[in-house]
Amino acid sequence: DNHYIDMVKDGNLTGYYSQSVGNAFDDFFSDEKWEYFESENGQDIVEFNGDCFRDNDLCHVCVQFTVNENDNSFEVQYYSLDNEPQNLMTWAYMLDKIYENE
């Protein structure tokens, strides 16, 4: 366990307050893995990797959250599908899928 990972898993994304990130991701993804690392420029990063179905195909998702411990906040800074970086605008679509069963 890691303090930064716990911050993200126990926290909420803006507009999605009924479930913590950890609970929502656990319900939606399979084969989940959470990791922490410090970026080359000193940022605290929590990375999530998991699998989900998209258009009936199993795909791999990677999400990186930048964590700001000073104000207990975090935000998505990177998102990929099957190792292909995605525009963060498509992240809103993925979030709707993750939280659609609320």
PDB file of N, CA and C in Angstrom:
ATOM      1  N   ASP A   1       0.834  -1.190   0.000  1.00  0.00           N
ATOM      2  CA  ASP A   1       0.000   0.000   0.000  1.00  0.00           C
ATOM      3  C   ASP A   1       0.871   1.244   0.000  1.00  0.00           C
ATOM      4  N   ASN A   2       0.326   2.293  -0.606  1.00  0.00           N
ATOM      5  CA  ASN A   2       1.054   3.540  -0.759  1.00  0.00           C
ATOM      6  C   ASN A   2       0.100   4.688  -0.470  1.00  0.00           C
ATOM      7  N   HIS A   3       0.572   5.706   0.216  1.00  0.00           N
ATOM      8  CA  HIS A   3      -0.249   6.858   0.588  1.00  0.00           C
ATOM      9  C   HIS A   3      -0.877   7.527  -0.642  1.00  0.00           C
ATOM     10  N   TYR A   4      -0.113   7.686  -1.700  1.00  0.00           N
ATOM     11  CA  TYR A   4      -0.615   8.364  -2.907  1.00  0.00           C
ATOM     12  C   TYR A   4      -1.670   7.509  -3.610  1.00  0.00           C
ATOM     13  N   ILE A   5      -1.435   6.226  -3.676  1.00  0.00           N
ATOM     14  CA  ILE A   5      -2.435   5.327  -4.276  1.00  0.00           C
ATOM     15  C   ILE A   5      -3.724   5.389  -3.465  1.00  0.00           C
ATOM     16  N   ASP A   6      -3.604   5.360  -2.144  1.00  0.00           N
ATOM     17  CA  ASP A   6      -4.800   5.441  -1.296  1.00  0.00           C
ATOM     18  C   ASP A   6      -5.545   6.752  -1.496  1.00  0.00           C
ATOM     19  N   MET A   7      -4.814   7.855  -1.677  1.00  0.00           N
ATOM     20  CA  MET A   7      -5.459   9.155  -1.924  1.00  0.00           C
ATOM     21  C   MET A   7      -6.355   9.082  -3.153  1.00  0.00           C
ATOM     22  N   VAL A   8      -5.845   8.479  -4.232  1.00  0.00           N
ATOM     23  CA  VAL A   8      -6.628   8.386  -5.472  1.00  0.00           C
ATOM     24  C   VAL A   8      -7.768   7.398  -5.300  1.00  0.00           C
ATOM     25  N   LYS A   9      -7.473   6.202  -4.807  1.00  0.00           N
ATOM     26  CA  LYS A   9      -8.507   5.169  -4.682  1.00  0.00           C
ATOM     27  C   LYS A   9      -9.639   5.600  -3.759  1.00  0.00           C
ATOM     28  N   ASP A  10      -9.311   6.318  -2.683  1.00  0.00           N
ATOM     29  CA  ASP A  10     -10.331   6.739  -1.718  1.00  0.00           C
ATOM     30  C   ASP A  10     -11.000   8.049  -2.110  1.00  0.00           C
ATOM     31  N   GLY A  11     -10.469   8.716  -3.124  1.00  0.00           N
ATOM     32  CA  GLY A  11     -10.992  10.025  -3.527  1.00  0.00           C
ATOM     33  C   GLY A  11     -12.078   9.924  -4.588  1.00  0.00           C
ATOM     34  N   ASN A  12     -12.511  11.095  -5.028  1.00  0.00           N
ATOM     35  CA  ASN A  12     -13.559  11.200  -6.049  1.00  0.00           C
ATOM     36  C   ASN A  12     -13.087  12.085  -7.188  1.00  0.00           C
ATOM     37  N   LEU A  13     -13.575  11.779  -8.372  1.00  0.00           N
ATOM     38  CA  LEU A  13     -13.331  12.625  -9.535  1.00  0.00           C
ATOM     39  C   LEU A  13     -14.433  13.669  -9.608  1.00  0.00           C
ATOM     40  N   THR A  14     -14.104  14.855 -10.056  1.00  0.00           N
ATOM     41  CA  THR A  14     -15.068  15.942 -10.148  1.00  0.00           C
ATOM     42  C   THR A  14     -16.296  15.491 -10.939  1.00  0.00           C
ATOM     43  N   GLY A  15     -17.466  15.658 -10.330  1.00  0.00           N
ATOM     44  CA  GLY A  15     -18.719  15.290 -10.972  1.00  0.00           C
ATOM     45  C   GLY A  15     -19.145  13.853 -10.728  1.00  0.00           C
ATOM     46  N   TYR A  16     -18.295  13.059 -10.095  1.00  0.00           N
ATOM     47  CA  TYR A  16     -18.597  11.649  -9.843  1.00  0.00           C
ATOM     48  C   TYR A  16     -18.364  11.364  -8.358  1.00  0.00           C
ATOM     49  N   TYR A  17     -19.404  11.662  -7.564  1.00  0.00           N
ATOM     50  CA  TYR A  17     -19.225  11.628  -6.121  1.00  0.00           C
ATOM     51  C   TYR A  17     -19.884  10.438  -5.434  1.00  0.00           C
ATOM     52  N   SER A  18     -20.645   9.625  -6.150  1.00  0.00           N
ATOM     53  CA  SER A  18     -21.371   8.547  -5.488  1.00  0.00           C
ATOM     54  C   SER A  18     -20.481   7.356  -5.152  1.00  0.00           C
ATOM     55  N   GLN A  19     -19.364   7.216  -5.844  1.00  0.00           N
ATOM     56  CA  GLN A  19     -18.431   6.126  -5.575  1.00  0.00           C
ATOM     57  C   GLN A  19     -17.010   6.671  -5.594  1.00  0.00           C
ATOM     58  N   SER A  20     -16.171   6.088  -4.766  1.00  0.00           N
ATOM     59  CA  SER A  20     -14.759   6.451  -4.823  1.00  0.00           C
ATOM     60  C   SER A  20     -14.173   5.936  -6.140  1.00  0.00           C
ATOM     61  N   VAL A  21     -13.049   6.486  -6.527  1.00  0.00           N
ATOM     62  CA  VAL A  21     -12.370   6.030  -7.748  1.00  0.00           C
ATOM     63  C   VAL A  21     -12.068   4.541  -7.641  1.00  0.00           C
ATOM     64  N   GLY A  22     -11.537   4.121  -6.496  1.00  0.00           N
ATOM     65  CA  GLY A  22     -11.188   2.715  -6.321  1.00  0.00           C
ATOM     66  C   GLY A  22     -12.367   1.782  -6.499  1.00  0.00           C
ATOM     67  N   ASN A  23     -13.506   2.110  -5.880  1.00  0.00           N
ATOM     68  CA  ASN A  23     -14.690   1.254  -6.002  1.00  0.00           C
ATOM     69  C   ASN A  23     -15.220   1.233  -7.429  1.00  0.00           C
ATOM     70  N   ALA A  24     -15.286   2.390  -8.067  1.00  0.00           N
ATOM     71  CA  ALA A  24     -15.807   2.454  -9.436  1.00  0.00           C
ATOM     72  C   ALA A  24     -14.904   1.677 -10.396  1.00  0.00           C
ATOM     73  N   PHE A  25     -13.591   1.850 -10.248  1.00  0.00           N
ATOM     74  CA  PHE A  25     -12.662   1.152 -11.135  1.00  0.00           C
ATOM     75  C   PHE A  25     -12.693  -0.352 -10.879  1.00  0.00           C
ATOM     76  N   ASP A  26     -12.801  -0.756  -9.600  1.00  0.00           N
ATOM     77  CA  ASP A  26     -12.882  -2.188  -9.284  1.00  0.00           C
ATOM     78  C   ASP A  26     -14.118  -2.828  -9.904  1.00  0.00           C
ATOM     79  N   ASP A  27     -15.222  -2.091  -9.935  1.00  0.00           N
ATOM     80  CA  ASP A  27     -16.460  -2.621 -10.511  1.00  0.00           C
ATOM     81  C   ASP A  27     -16.400  -2.716 -12.029  1.00  0.00           C
ATOM     82  N   PHE A  28     -15.659  -1.835 -12.668  1.00  0.00           N
ATOM     83  CA  PHE A  28     -15.672  -1.742 -14.133  1.00  0.00           C
ATOM     84  C   PHE A  28     -14.550  -2.534 -14.794  1.00  0.00           C
ATOM     85  N   PHE A  29     -13.381  -2.539 -14.206  1.00  0.00           N
ATOM     86  CA  PHE A  29     -12.200  -3.143 -14.821  1.00  0.00           C
ATOM     87  C   PHE A  29     -11.883  -4.509 -14.220  1.00  0.00           C
ATOM     88  N   SER A  30     -11.165  -5.295 -14.981  1.00  0.00           N
ATOM     89  CA  SER A  30     -10.614  -6.548 -14.467  1.00  0.00           C
ATOM     90  C   SER A  30      -9.097  -6.466 -14.520  1.00  0.00           C
ATOM     91  N   ASP A  31      -8.457  -7.349 -13.785  1.00  0.00           N
ATOM     92  CA  ASP A  31      -6.998  -7.435 -13.766  1.00  0.00           C
ATOM     93  C   ASP A  31      -6.360  -6.074 -13.449  1.00  0.00           C
ATOM     94  N   GLU A  32      -6.893  -5.419 -12.399  1.00  0.00           N
ATOM     95  CA  GLU A  32      -6.435  -4.071 -12.047  1.00  0.00           C
ATOM     96  C   GLU A  32      -5.089  -4.092 -11.335  1.00  0.00           C
ATOM     97  N   LYS A  33      -4.318  -3.056 -11.597  1.00  0.00           N
ATOM     98  CA  LYS A  33      -3.021  -2.893 -10.940  1.00  0.00           C
ATOM     99  C   LYS A  33      -2.794  -1.401 -10.706  1.00  0.00           C
ATOM    100  N   TRP A  34      -2.427  -1.043  -9.482  1.00  0.00           N
ATOM    101  CA  TRP A  34      -2.151   0.338  -9.101  1.00  0.00           C
ATOM    102  C   TRP A  34      -0.675   0.447  -8.752  1.00  0.00           C
ATOM    103  N   GLU A  35      -0.015   1.503  -9.236  1.00  0.00           N
ATOM    104  CA  GLU A  35       1.391   1.726  -8.938  1.00  0.00           C
ATOM    105  C   GLU A  35       1.633   3.216  -8.688  1.00  0.00           C
ATOM    106  N   TYR A  36       2.654   3.485  -7.904  1.00  0.00           N
ATOM    107  CA  TYR A  36       3.080   4.856  -7.658  1.00  0.00           C
ATOM    108  C   TYR A  36       4.504   5.027  -8.181  1.00  0.00           C
ATOM    109  N   PHE A  37       4.777   6.203  -8.750  1.00  0.00           N
ATOM    110  CA  PHE A  37       6.154   6.558  -9.086  1.00  0.00           C
ATOM    111  C   PHE A  37       6.289   8.077  -9.102  1.00  0.00           C
ATOM    112  N   GLU A  38       7.518   8.516  -9.013  1.00  0.00           N
ATOM    113  CA  GLU A  38       7.803   9.948  -9.120  1.00  0.00           C
ATOM    114  C   GLU A  38       8.312  10.203 -10.525  1.00  0.00           C
ATOM    115  N   SER A  39       7.733  11.189 -11.193  1.00  0.00           N
ATOM    116  CA  SER A  39       8.124  11.496 -12.568  1.00  0.00           C
ATOM    117  C   SER A  39       9.497  12.157 -12.592  1.00  0.00           C
ATOM    118  N   GLU A  40      10.048  12.271 -13.778  1.00  0.00           N
ATOM    119  CA  GLU A  40      11.371  12.885 -13.939  1.00  0.00           C
ATOM    120  C   GLU A  40      11.412  14.327 -13.429  1.00  0.00           C
ATOM    121  N   ASN A  41      10.252  15.009 -13.485  1.00  0.00           N
ATOM    122  CA  ASN A  41      10.223  16.396 -13.006  1.00  0.00           C
ATOM    123  C   ASN A  41       9.700  16.507 -11.571  1.00  0.00           C
ATOM    124  N   GLY A  42       9.682  15.372 -10.850  1.00  0.00           N
ATOM    125  CA  GLY A  42       9.362  15.394  -9.433  1.00  0.00           C
ATOM    126  C   GLY A  42       7.899  15.310  -9.072  1.00  0.00           C
ATOM    127  N   GLN A  43       7.023  15.078 -10.032  1.00  0.00           N
ATOM    128  CA  GLN A  43       5.599  14.959  -9.729  1.00  0.00           C
ATOM    129  C   GLN A  43       5.293  13.566  -9.181  1.00  0.00           C
ATOM    130  N   ASP A  44       4.340  13.519  -8.251  1.00  0.00           N
ATOM    131  CA  ASP A  44       3.861  12.240  -7.725  1.00  0.00           C
ATOM    132  C   ASP A  44       2.783  11.712  -8.665  1.00  0.00           C
ATOM    133  N   ILE A  45       3.008  10.502  -9.184  1.00  0.00           N
ATOM    134  CA  ILE A  45       2.107   9.911 -10.170  1.00  0.00           C
ATOM    135  C   ILE A  45       1.559   8.587  -9.645  1.00  0.00           C
ATOM    136  N   VAL A  46       0.252   8.413  -9.740  1.00  0.00           N
ATOM    137  CA  VAL A  46      -0.381   7.130  -9.480  1.00  0.00           C
ATOM    138  C   VAL A  46      -0.870   6.615 -10.819  1.00  0.00           C
ATOM    139  N   GLU A  47      -0.443   5.399 -11.156  1.00  0.00           N
ATOM    140  CA  GLU A  47      -0.829   4.802 -12.439  1.00  0.00           C
ATOM    141  C   GLU A  47      -1.756   3.623 -12.192  1.00  0.00           C
ATOM    142  N   PHE A  48      -2.847   3.604 -12.947  1.00  0.00           N
ATOM    143  CA  PHE A  48      -3.801   2.499 -12.917  1.00  0.00           C
ATOM    144  C   PHE A  48      -3.743   1.773 -14.249  1.00  0.00           C
ATOM    145  N   ASN A  49      -3.721   0.448 -14.201  1.00  0.00           N
ATOM    146  CA  ASN A  49      -3.829  -0.377 -15.396  1.00  0.00           C
ATOM    147  C   ASN A  49      -4.923  -1.406 -15.169  1.00  0.00           C
ATOM    148  N   GLY A  50      -5.756  -1.605 -16.177  1.00  0.00           N
ATOM    149  CA  GLY A  50      -6.825  -2.588 -16.078  1.00  0.00           C
ATOM    150  C   GLY A  50      -7.399  -2.893 -17.441  1.00  0.00           C
ATOM    151  N   ASP A  51      -8.219  -3.923 -17.487  1.00  0.00           N
ATOM    152  CA  ASP A  51      -8.848  -4.354 -18.734  1.00  0.00           C
ATOM    153  C   ASP A  51     -10.352  -4.140 -18.666  1.00  0.00           C
ATOM    154  N   CYS A  52     -10.942  -3.821 -19.826  1.00  0.00           N
ATOM    155  CA  CYS A  52     -12.391  -3.659 -19.912  1.00  0.00           C
ATOM    156  C   CYS A  52     -12.831  -3.968 -21.335  1.00  0.00           C
ATOM    157  N   PHE A  53     -14.132  -4.113 -21.505  1.00  0.00           N
ATOM    158  CA  PHE A  53     -14.665  -4.335 -22.841  1.00  0.00           C
ATOM    159  C   PHE A  53     -15.070  -3.012 -23.460  1.00  0.00           C
ATOM    160  N   ARG A  54     -14.701  -2.854 -24.716  1.00  0.00           N
ATOM    161  CA  ARG A  54     -15.083  -1.678 -25.502  1.00  0.00           C
ATOM    162  C   ARG A  54     -15.520  -2.186 -26.862  1.00  0.00           C
ATOM    163  N   ASP A  55     -16.771  -1.937 -27.208  1.00  0.00           N
ATOM    164  CA  ASP A  55     -17.319  -2.444 -28.473  1.00  0.00           C
ATOM    165  C   ASP A  55     -17.095  -3.949 -28.598  1.00  0.00           C
ATOM    166  N   ASN A  56     -17.355  -4.676 -27.519  1.00  0.00           N
ATOM    167  CA  ASN A  56     -17.247  -6.137 -27.455  1.00  0.00           C
ATOM    168  C   ASN A  56     -15.828  -6.669 -27.577  1.00  0.00           C
ATOM    169  N   ASP A  57     -14.826  -5.806 -27.542  1.00  0.00           N
ATOM    170  CA  ASP A  57     -13.432  -6.242 -27.575  1.00  0.00           C
ATOM    171  C   ASP A  57     -12.782  -5.916 -26.239  1.00  0.00           C
ATOM    172  N   LEU A  58     -11.979  -6.853 -25.736  1.00  0.00           N
ATOM    173  CA  LEU A  58     -11.248  -6.607 -24.509  1.00  0.00           C
ATOM    174  C   LEU A  58     -10.103  -5.646 -24.812  1.00  0.00           C
ATOM    175  N   CYS A  59      -9.996  -4.585 -24.049  1.00  0.00           N
ATOM    176  CA  CYS A  59      -8.909  -3.634 -24.265  1.00  0.00           C
ATOM    177  C   CYS A  59      -8.240  -3.305 -22.937  1.00  0.00           C
ATOM    178  N   HIS A  60      -7.018  -2.843 -23.035  1.00  0.00           N
ATOM    179  CA  HIS A  60      -6.234  -2.477 -21.859  1.00  0.00           C
ATOM    180  C   HIS A  60      -6.250  -0.960 -21.702  1.00  0.00           C
ATOM    181  N   VAL A  61      -6.489  -0.510 -20.484  1.00  0.00           N
ATOM    182  CA  VAL A  61      -6.556   0.916 -20.181  1.00  0.00           C
ATOM    183  C   VAL A  61      -5.457   1.272 -19.177  1.00  0.00           C
ATOM    184  N   CYS A  62      -4.778   2.371 -19.445  1.00  0.00           N
ATOM    185  CA  CYS A  62      -3.800   2.930 -18.515  1.00  0.00           C
ATOM    186  C   CYS A  62      -4.224   4.367 -18.219  1.00  0.00           C
ATOM    187  N   VAL A  63      -4.287   4.705 -16.941  1.00  0.00           N
ATOM    188  CA  VAL A  63      -4.631   6.058 -16.517  1.00  0.00           C
ATOM    189  C   VAL A  63      -3.564   6.508 -15.527  1.00  0.00           C
ATOM    190  N   GLN A  64      -3.034   7.703 -15.744  1.00  0.00           N
ATOM    191  CA  GLN A  64      -2.074   8.270 -14.804  1.00  0.00           C
ATOM    192  C   GLN A  64      -2.673   9.512 -14.162  1.00  0.00           C
ATOM    193  N   PHE A  65      -2.631   9.522 -12.852  1.00  0.00           N
ATOM    194  CA  PHE A  65      -3.123  10.640 -12.058  1.00  0.00           C
ATOM    195  C   PHE A  65      -1.927  11.397 -11.482  1.00  0.00           C
ATOM    196  N   THR A  66      -1.925  12.711 -11.627  1.00  0.00           N
ATOM    197  CA  THR A  66      -0.956  13.562 -10.949  1.00  0.00           C
ATOM    198  C   THR A  66      -1.541  13.906  -9.589  1.00  0.00           C
ATOM    199  N   VAL A  67      -0.781  13.653  -8.526  1.00  0.00           N
ATOM    200  CA  VAL A  67      -1.269  13.858  -7.169  1.00  0.00           C
ATOM    201  C   VAL A  67      -0.606  15.097  -6.565  1.00  0.00           C
ATOM    202  N   ASN A  68      -1.434  15.941  -5.953  1.00  0.00           N
ATOM    203  CA  ASN A  68      -0.933  17.111  -5.234  1.00  0.00           C
ATOM    204  C   ASN A  68      -1.237  16.896  -3.758  1.00  0.00           C
ATOM    205  N   GLU A  69      -0.226  16.485  -3.023  1.00  0.00           N
ATOM    206  CA  GLU A  69      -0.437  16.167  -1.606  1.00  0.00           C
ATOM    207  C   GLU A  69      -0.778  17.408  -0.788  1.00  0.00           C
ATOM    208  N   ASN A  70      -0.335  18.583  -1.212  1.00  0.00           N
ATOM    209  CA  ASN A  70      -0.578  19.812  -0.451  1.00  0.00           C
ATOM    210  C   ASN A  70      -2.055  20.094  -0.249  1.00  0.00           C
ATOM    211  N   ASP A  71      -2.860  19.793  -1.261  1.00  0.00           N
ATOM    212  CA  ASP A  71      -4.296  20.047  -1.104  1.00  0.00           C
ATOM    213  C   ASP A  71      -5.138  18.777  -1.289  1.00  0.00           C
ATOM    214  N   ASN A  72      -4.497  17.616  -1.178  1.00  0.00           N
ATOM    215  CA  ASN A  72      -5.191  16.328  -1.294  1.00  0.00           C
ATOM    216  C   ASN A  72      -5.986  16.208  -2.582  1.00  0.00           C
ATOM    217  N   SER A  73      -5.426  16.698  -3.682  1.00  0.00           N
ATOM    218  CA  SER A  73      -6.141  16.627  -4.953  1.00  0.00           C
ATOM    219  C   SER A  73      -5.350  15.781  -5.945  1.00  0.00           C
ATOM    220  N   PHE A  74      -6.037  15.386  -6.998  1.00  0.00           N
ATOM    221  CA  PHE A  74      -5.397  14.638  -8.081  1.00  0.00           C
ATOM    222  C   PHE A  74      -6.187  14.886  -9.352  1.00  0.00           C
ATOM    223  N   GLU A  75      -5.520  14.694 -10.484  1.00  0.00           N
ATOM    224  CA  GLU A  75      -6.197  14.850 -11.764  1.00  0.00           C
ATOM    225  C   GLU A  75      -5.575  13.892 -12.768  1.00  0.00           C
ATOM    226  N   VAL A  76      -6.370  13.532 -13.750  1.00  0.00           N
ATOM    227  CA  VAL A  76      -5.888  12.646 -14.804  1.00  0.00           C
ATOM    228  C   VAL A  76      -4.988  13.455 -15.724  1.00  0.00           C
ATOM    229  N   GLN A  77      -3.787  12.951 -15.957  1.00  0.00           N
ATOM    230  CA  GLN A  77      -2.856  13.640 -16.849  1.00  0.00           C
ATOM    231  C   GLN A  77      -2.559  12.826 -18.091  1.00  0.00           C
ATOM    232  N   TYR A  78      -2.898  11.528 -18.070  1.00  0.00           N
ATOM    233  CA  TYR A  78      -2.589  10.653 -19.205  1.00  0.00           C
ATOM    234  C   TYR A  78      -3.581   9.506 -19.208  1.00  0.00           C
ATOM    235  N   TYR A  79      -3.972   9.090 -20.419  1.00  0.00           N
ATOM    236  CA  TYR A  79      -4.944   8.016 -20.581  1.00  0.00           C
ATOM    237  C   TYR A  79      -4.634   7.322 -21.899  1.00  0.00           C
ATOM    238  N   SER A  80      -4.563   5.991 -21.863  1.00  0.00           N
ATOM    239  CA  SER A  80      -4.316   5.251 -23.107  1.00  0.00           C
ATOM    240  C   SER A  80      -5.219   4.037 -23.191  1.00  0.00           C
ATOM    241  N   LEU A  81      -5.516   3.643 -24.419  1.00  0.00           N
ATOM    242  CA  LEU A  81      -6.247   2.409 -24.727  1.00  0.00           C
ATOM    243  C   LEU A  81      -5.325   1.535 -25.554  1.00  0.00           C
ATOM    244  N   ASP A  82      -5.120   0.305 -25.107  1.00  0.00           N
ATOM    245  CA  ASP A  82      -4.236  -0.629 -25.804  1.00  0.00           C
ATOM    246  C   ASP A  82      -2.902   0.023 -26.163  1.00  0.00           C
ATOM    247  N   ASN A  83      -2.336   0.725 -25.190  1.00  0.00           N
ATOM    248  CA  ASN A  83      -1.017   1.369 -25.304  1.00  0.00           C
ATOM    249  C   ASN A  83      -0.959   2.500 -26.330  1.00  0.00           C
ATOM    250  N   GLU A  84      -2.118   2.993 -26.757  1.00  0.00           N
ATOM    251  CA  GLU A  84      -2.160   4.146 -27.667  1.00  0.00           C
ATOM    252  C   GLU A  84      -2.673   5.350 -26.879  1.00  0.00           C
ATOM    253  N   PRO A  85      -1.841   6.386 -26.714  1.00  0.00           N
ATOM    254  CA  PRO A  85      -2.290   7.577 -25.974  1.00  0.00           C
ATOM    255  C   PRO A  85      -3.566   8.153 -26.578  1.00  0.00           C
ATOM    256  N   GLN A  86      -4.456   8.568 -25.693  1.00  0.00           N
ATOM    257  CA  GLN A  86      -5.738   9.129 -26.104  1.00  0.00           C
ATOM    258  C   GLN A  86      -5.793  10.607 -25.732  1.00  0.00           C
ATOM    259  N   ASN A  87      -6.585  11.340 -26.477  1.00  0.00           N
ATOM    260  CA  ASN A  87      -6.869  12.722 -26.139  1.00  0.00           C
ATOM    261  C   ASN A  87      -7.667  12.714 -24.840  1.00  0.00           C
ATOM    262  N   LEU A  88      -7.322  13.569 -23.909  1.00  0.00           N
ATOM    263  CA  LEU A  88      -8.039  13.577 -22.637  1.00  0.00           C
ATOM    264  C   LEU A  88      -9.512  13.924 -22.792  1.00  0.00           C
ATOM    265  N   MET A  89      -9.896  14.485 -23.922  1.00  0.00           N
ATOM    266  CA  MET A  89     -11.323  14.750 -24.163  1.00  0.00           C
ATOM    267  C   MET A  89     -12.099  13.429 -24.212  1.00  0.00           C
ATOM    268  N   THR A  90     -11.462  12.356 -24.659  1.00  0.00           N
ATOM    269  CA  THR A  90     -12.150  11.063 -24.706  1.00  0.00           C
ATOM    270  C   THR A  90     -12.268  10.446 -23.321  1.00  0.00           C
ATOM    271  N   TRP A  91     -11.516  10.990 -22.350  1.00  0.00           N
ATOM    272  CA  TRP A  91     -11.597  10.495 -20.979  1.00  0.00           C
ATOM    273  C   TRP A  91     -13.000  10.687 -20.417  1.00  0.00           C
ATOM    274  N   ALA A  92     -13.672  11.767 -20.781  1.00  0.00           N
ATOM    275  CA  ALA A  92     -15.039  12.015 -20.310  1.00  0.00           C
ATOM    276  C   ALA A  92     -15.970  10.891 -20.753  1.00  0.00           C
ATOM    277  N   TYR A  93     -15.795  10.407 -21.968  1.00  0.00           N
ATOM    278  CA  TYR A  93     -16.597   9.287 -22.468  1.00  0.00           C
ATOM    279  C   TYR A  93     -16.328   8.038 -21.631  1.00  0.00           C
ATOM    280  N   MET A  94     -15.056   7.760 -21.353  1.00  0.00           N
ATOM    281  CA  MET A  94     -14.703   6.586 -20.552  1.00  0.00           C
ATOM    282  C   MET A  94     -15.280   6.700 -19.145  1.00  0.00           C
ATOM    283  N   LEU A  95     -15.203   7.898 -18.550  1.00  0.00           N
ATOM    284  CA  LEU A  95     -15.764   8.089 -17.214  1.00  0.00           C
ATOM    285  C   LEU A  95     -17.259   7.811 -17.194  1.00  0.00           C
ATOM    286  N   ASP A  96     -17.971   8.257 -18.231  1.00  0.00           N
ATOM    287  CA  ASP A  96     -19.404   7.982 -18.300  1.00  0.00           C
ATOM    288  C   ASP A  96     -19.665   6.482 -18.330  1.00  0.00           C
ATOM    289  N   LYS A  97     -18.830   5.735 -19.038  1.00  0.00           N
ATOM    290  CA  LYS A  97     -18.980   4.272 -19.082  1.00  0.00           C
ATOM    291  C   LYS A  97     -18.681   3.653 -17.717  1.00  0.00           C
ATOM    292  N   ILE A  98     -17.621   4.110 -17.076  1.00  0.00           N
ATOM    293  CA  ILE A  98     -17.227   3.563 -15.785  1.00  0.00           C
ATOM    294  C   ILE A  98     -18.319   3.783 -14.749  1.00  0.00           C
ATOM    295  N   TYR A  99     -18.927   4.963 -14.760  1.00  0.00           N
ATOM    296  CA  TYR A  99     -19.900   5.329 -13.727  1.00  0.00           C
ATOM    297  C   TYR A  99     -21.342   5.196 -14.176  1.00  0.00           C
ATOM    298  N   GLU A 100     -21.627   4.604 -15.334  1.00  0.00           N
ATOM    299  CA  GLU A 100     -22.990   4.593 -15.850  1.00  0.00           C
ATOM    300  C   GLU A 100     -23.953   3.762 -15.007  1.00  0.00           C
ATOM    301  N   ASN A 101     -23.473   2.884 -14.180  1.00  0.00           N
ATOM    302  CA  ASN A 101     -24.358   2.043 -13.362  1.00  0.00           C
ATOM    303  C   ASN A 101     -24.649   2.645 -11.993  1.00  0.00           C
ATOM    304  N   GLU A 102     -24.343   3.926 -11.836  1.00  0.00           N
ATOM    305  CA  GLU A 102     -24.574   4.549 -10.523  1.00  0.00           C
ATOM    306  C   GLU A 102     -26.062   4.675 -10.260  1.00  0.00           C
TER     307      GLU A 102
END
